[in-house]
N, C-alpha and C. Protein backbone atom coordinates (compact mmCIF):
# COMPACT_ATOMS: atom_id res chain seq x y z
N MET A 1 -106.66 -82.34 -149.90
CA MET A 1 -106.73 -83.46 -150.84
C MET A 1 -106.16 -82.99 -152.16
N TYR A 2 -105.23 -83.74 -152.72
CA TYR A 2 -104.64 -83.39 -154.00
C TYR A 2 -105.39 -84.10 -155.11
N ALA A 3 -106.24 -83.37 -155.79
CA ALA A 3 -107.03 -83.95 -156.87
C ALA A 3 -107.37 -82.86 -157.86
N LYS A 4 -107.80 -83.28 -159.03
CA LYS A 4 -108.19 -82.32 -160.05
C LYS A 4 -109.28 -82.93 -160.91
N ILE A 5 -109.94 -82.09 -161.68
CA ILE A 5 -110.99 -82.59 -162.57
C ILE A 5 -110.35 -83.49 -163.61
N LYS A 6 -111.03 -84.55 -163.95
CA LYS A 6 -110.50 -85.53 -164.89
C LYS A 6 -110.38 -84.96 -166.29
N HIS A 7 -109.26 -85.17 -166.91
CA HIS A 7 -109.02 -84.72 -168.28
C HIS A 7 -108.72 -85.93 -169.16
N ASP A 8 -109.72 -86.72 -169.43
CA ASP A 8 -109.58 -87.93 -170.24
C ASP A 8 -110.37 -87.72 -171.51
N VAL A 9 -109.70 -87.72 -172.67
CA VAL A 9 -110.35 -87.44 -173.95
C VAL A 9 -111.56 -88.34 -174.17
N SER A 10 -111.49 -89.59 -173.75
CA SER A 10 -112.61 -90.51 -173.96
C SER A 10 -113.83 -90.12 -173.14
N GLU A 11 -113.65 -89.27 -172.16
CA GLU A 11 -114.74 -88.86 -171.28
C GLU A 11 -115.31 -87.49 -171.67
N PHE A 12 -114.80 -86.87 -172.71
CA PHE A 12 -115.19 -85.50 -173.02
C PHE A 12 -116.68 -85.32 -173.29
N ASN A 13 -117.34 -86.33 -173.82
CA ASN A 13 -118.77 -86.19 -174.11
C ASN A 13 -119.65 -86.59 -172.92
N LYS A 14 -119.03 -86.91 -171.81
CA LYS A 14 -119.78 -87.27 -170.62
C LYS A 14 -119.64 -86.13 -169.61
N PRO A 15 -120.72 -85.78 -168.94
CA PRO A 15 -120.58 -84.69 -167.95
C PRO A 15 -119.73 -85.14 -166.77
N MET A 16 -118.79 -84.30 -166.36
CA MET A 16 -117.98 -84.59 -165.19
C MET A 16 -118.73 -84.22 -163.92
N CYS A 17 -119.72 -83.33 -164.07
CA CYS A 17 -120.57 -82.96 -162.94
C CYS A 17 -122.02 -83.06 -163.37
N HIS A 18 -122.86 -83.52 -162.47
CA HIS A 18 -124.29 -83.51 -162.76
C HIS A 18 -125.05 -83.05 -161.53
N ARG A 19 -126.16 -82.39 -161.77
CA ARG A 19 -126.98 -81.84 -160.69
C ARG A 19 -127.89 -82.94 -160.18
N GLU A 20 -127.93 -83.10 -158.86
CA GLU A 20 -128.84 -84.08 -158.25
C GLU A 20 -130.28 -83.59 -158.44
N ASP A 21 -131.19 -84.52 -158.71
CA ASP A 21 -132.60 -84.16 -158.96
C ASP A 21 -133.20 -83.34 -157.84
N SER A 22 -132.83 -83.66 -156.61
CA SER A 22 -133.39 -82.96 -155.45
C SER A 22 -132.73 -81.60 -155.23
N GLY A 23 -131.58 -81.37 -155.91
CA GLY A 23 -130.84 -80.14 -155.68
C GLY A 23 -129.98 -80.20 -154.44
N MET A 24 -129.97 -81.36 -153.78
CA MET A 24 -129.17 -81.55 -152.57
C MET A 24 -128.34 -82.81 -152.72
N CYS A 25 -127.26 -82.88 -151.96
CA CYS A 25 -126.42 -84.08 -151.97
C CYS A 25 -127.12 -85.18 -151.19
N PRO A 26 -127.04 -86.43 -151.68
CA PRO A 26 -127.64 -87.54 -150.94
C PRO A 26 -127.00 -87.66 -149.56
N GLU A 27 -127.84 -87.78 -148.54
CA GLU A 27 -127.32 -87.87 -147.17
C GLU A 27 -126.72 -89.23 -146.87
N ASN A 28 -127.34 -90.28 -147.39
CA ASN A 28 -126.91 -91.64 -147.05
C ASN A 28 -126.25 -92.34 -148.23
N ARG A 29 -125.46 -91.61 -148.98
CA ARG A 29 -124.78 -92.24 -150.11
C ARG A 29 -123.82 -93.29 -149.59
N PRO A 30 -123.96 -94.53 -150.06
CA PRO A 30 -123.03 -95.57 -149.58
C PRO A 30 -121.61 -95.27 -150.05
N LYS A 31 -120.66 -95.38 -149.13
CA LYS A 31 -119.26 -95.14 -149.47
C LYS A 31 -118.49 -96.43 -149.25
N PRO A 32 -118.21 -97.16 -150.30
CA PRO A 32 -117.44 -98.38 -150.11
C PRO A 32 -116.02 -98.03 -149.66
N ILE A 33 -115.51 -98.81 -148.74
CA ILE A 33 -114.15 -98.60 -148.27
C ILE A 33 -113.21 -99.23 -149.29
N THR A 34 -112.43 -98.39 -149.95
CA THR A 34 -111.60 -98.90 -151.04
C THR A 34 -110.29 -98.15 -151.17
N CYS A 35 -109.31 -98.83 -151.72
CA CYS A 35 -108.00 -98.26 -152.02
C CYS A 35 -107.57 -98.62 -153.44
N ASP A 36 -108.48 -99.11 -154.26
CA ASP A 36 -108.04 -99.68 -155.54
C ASP A 36 -108.29 -98.80 -156.75
N LYS A 37 -108.86 -97.60 -156.57
CA LYS A 37 -109.14 -96.75 -157.73
C LYS A 37 -108.60 -95.35 -157.47
N ASN A 38 -108.20 -94.67 -158.54
CA ASN A 38 -107.77 -93.29 -158.35
C ASN A 38 -108.88 -92.31 -158.71
N GLU A 39 -110.03 -92.81 -159.10
CA GLU A 39 -111.18 -91.98 -159.46
C GLU A 39 -112.21 -92.00 -158.34
N PHE A 40 -112.82 -90.86 -158.07
CA PHE A 40 -113.83 -90.80 -157.02
C PHE A 40 -114.81 -89.68 -157.32
N GLU A 41 -115.94 -89.68 -156.64
CA GLU A 41 -116.96 -88.65 -156.79
C GLU A 41 -117.10 -87.87 -155.50
N SER A 42 -117.45 -86.61 -155.65
CA SER A 42 -117.71 -85.76 -154.50
C SER A 42 -118.94 -84.92 -154.80
N CYS A 43 -119.78 -84.70 -153.81
CA CYS A 43 -120.99 -83.90 -154.01
C CYS A 43 -120.91 -82.64 -153.17
N ILE A 44 -121.10 -81.50 -153.82
CA ILE A 44 -121.08 -80.20 -153.15
C ILE A 44 -122.25 -79.38 -153.66
N ASN A 45 -123.05 -78.88 -152.75
CA ASN A 45 -124.19 -78.01 -153.09
C ASN A 45 -125.10 -78.61 -154.16
N GLY A 46 -125.33 -79.92 -154.08
CA GLY A 46 -126.23 -80.58 -155.01
C GLY A 46 -125.60 -81.00 -156.32
N TRP A 47 -124.32 -80.75 -156.52
CA TRP A 47 -123.60 -81.16 -157.73
C TRP A 47 -122.65 -82.30 -157.40
N THR A 48 -122.78 -83.42 -158.11
CA THR A 48 -121.87 -84.54 -157.96
C THR A 48 -120.86 -84.48 -159.10
N CYS A 49 -119.59 -84.44 -158.75
CA CYS A 49 -118.52 -84.32 -159.73
C CYS A 49 -117.54 -85.48 -159.62
N THR A 50 -116.96 -85.85 -160.75
CA THR A 50 -115.96 -86.92 -160.80
C THR A 50 -114.57 -86.30 -160.79
N TYR A 51 -113.72 -86.83 -159.94
CA TYR A 51 -112.34 -86.39 -159.81
C TYR A 51 -111.41 -87.60 -159.89
N TYR A 52 -110.13 -87.32 -160.03
CA TYR A 52 -109.17 -88.41 -159.92
C TYR A 52 -107.92 -87.89 -159.23
N CYS A 53 -107.21 -88.79 -158.58
CA CYS A 53 -106.00 -88.40 -157.88
C CYS A 53 -104.96 -87.93 -158.89
N SER A 54 -104.25 -86.87 -158.57
CA SER A 54 -103.39 -86.22 -159.56
C SER A 54 -102.14 -87.01 -159.92
N GLU A 55 -101.68 -87.87 -159.03
CA GLU A 55 -100.52 -88.69 -159.35
C GLU A 55 -100.99 -90.07 -159.82
N GLU A 56 -100.40 -90.57 -160.89
CA GLU A 56 -100.82 -91.87 -161.43
C GLU A 56 -100.65 -93.00 -160.43
N LEU A 57 -99.69 -92.88 -159.54
CA LEU A 57 -99.44 -93.94 -158.57
C LEU A 57 -100.30 -93.81 -157.32
N GLN A 58 -101.10 -92.76 -157.23
CA GLN A 58 -101.95 -92.57 -156.07
C GLN A 58 -103.31 -93.21 -156.28
N VAL A 59 -103.93 -93.59 -155.18
CA VAL A 59 -105.30 -94.12 -155.18
C VAL A 59 -106.11 -93.32 -154.18
N TYR A 60 -107.42 -93.43 -154.28
CA TYR A 60 -108.30 -92.70 -153.39
C TYR A 60 -108.62 -93.54 -152.16
N ASN A 61 -108.28 -93.03 -151.00
CA ASN A 61 -108.56 -93.69 -149.74
C ASN A 61 -109.92 -93.20 -149.27
N SER A 62 -110.96 -93.99 -149.49
CA SER A 62 -112.31 -93.54 -149.16
C SER A 62 -112.55 -93.48 -147.66
N LYS A 63 -111.76 -94.21 -146.89
CA LYS A 63 -111.88 -94.16 -145.44
C LYS A 63 -111.38 -92.82 -144.91
N MET A 64 -110.25 -92.37 -145.43
CA MET A 64 -109.65 -91.12 -144.98
C MET A 64 -110.07 -89.92 -145.85
N ASN A 65 -110.77 -90.19 -146.96
CA ASN A 65 -111.25 -89.15 -147.87
C ASN A 65 -110.10 -88.31 -148.43
N ARG A 66 -109.08 -89.01 -148.95
CA ARG A 66 -107.95 -88.31 -149.55
C ARG A 66 -107.19 -89.23 -150.50
N CYS A 67 -106.37 -88.63 -151.34
CA CYS A 67 -105.52 -89.39 -152.25
C CYS A 67 -104.21 -89.73 -151.55
N GLU A 68 -103.76 -90.97 -151.74
CA GLU A 68 -102.52 -91.43 -151.11
C GLU A 68 -101.82 -92.41 -152.03
N GLU A 69 -100.55 -92.66 -151.74
CA GLU A 69 -99.86 -93.73 -152.44
C GLU A 69 -100.53 -95.05 -152.04
N ALA A 70 -100.56 -96.00 -152.96
CA ALA A 70 -101.31 -97.24 -152.74
C ALA A 70 -100.89 -97.95 -151.46
N HIS A 71 -99.58 -98.07 -151.21
CA HIS A 71 -99.15 -98.82 -150.02
C HIS A 71 -99.57 -98.12 -148.74
N VAL A 72 -99.59 -96.79 -148.73
CA VAL A 72 -100.03 -96.04 -147.55
C VAL A 72 -101.53 -96.25 -147.34
N CYS A 73 -102.26 -96.23 -148.43
CA CYS A 73 -103.70 -96.42 -148.36
C CYS A 73 -104.03 -97.79 -147.77
N TYR A 74 -103.40 -98.83 -148.28
CA TYR A 74 -103.67 -100.18 -147.76
C TYR A 74 -103.28 -100.31 -146.29
N GLU A 75 -102.19 -99.65 -145.90
CA GLU A 75 -101.77 -99.70 -144.50
C GLU A 75 -102.81 -99.06 -143.59
N SER A 76 -103.38 -97.93 -144.01
CA SER A 76 -104.37 -97.24 -143.17
C SER A 76 -105.66 -98.05 -143.10
N MET A 77 -105.97 -98.81 -144.14
CA MET A 77 -107.16 -99.64 -144.12
C MET A 77 -107.02 -100.78 -143.11
N ARG A 78 -105.78 -101.22 -142.88
CA ARG A 78 -105.54 -102.33 -141.94
C ARG A 78 -105.56 -101.86 -140.49
N ASP A 79 -105.58 -100.56 -140.26
CA ASP A 79 -105.55 -100.05 -138.89
C ASP A 79 -106.72 -100.55 -138.05
N ASP A 80 -107.84 -100.85 -138.69
CA ASP A 80 -109.03 -101.31 -137.94
C ASP A 80 -109.00 -102.79 -137.62
N LEU A 81 -108.09 -103.51 -138.22
CA LEU A 81 -108.05 -104.97 -138.00
C LEU A 81 -107.50 -105.32 -136.65
């Protein structure tokens, strides 16, 4: 997955990662199926972090769990139809 930590000046005073109260990642976190945002969250070892796709034209394909060009993302979402 091609992604990096978000570097947005307006976000500097907000934590990009936060520790889950339980110290573990939520097991049943709802994952909406989407292709319309380039920002996404990932939880590893009890830490939830915000990331964004590295290319401005890319969006996060939550079904495939990767960053893709928007038209590719929408095409893969239609595969189930």
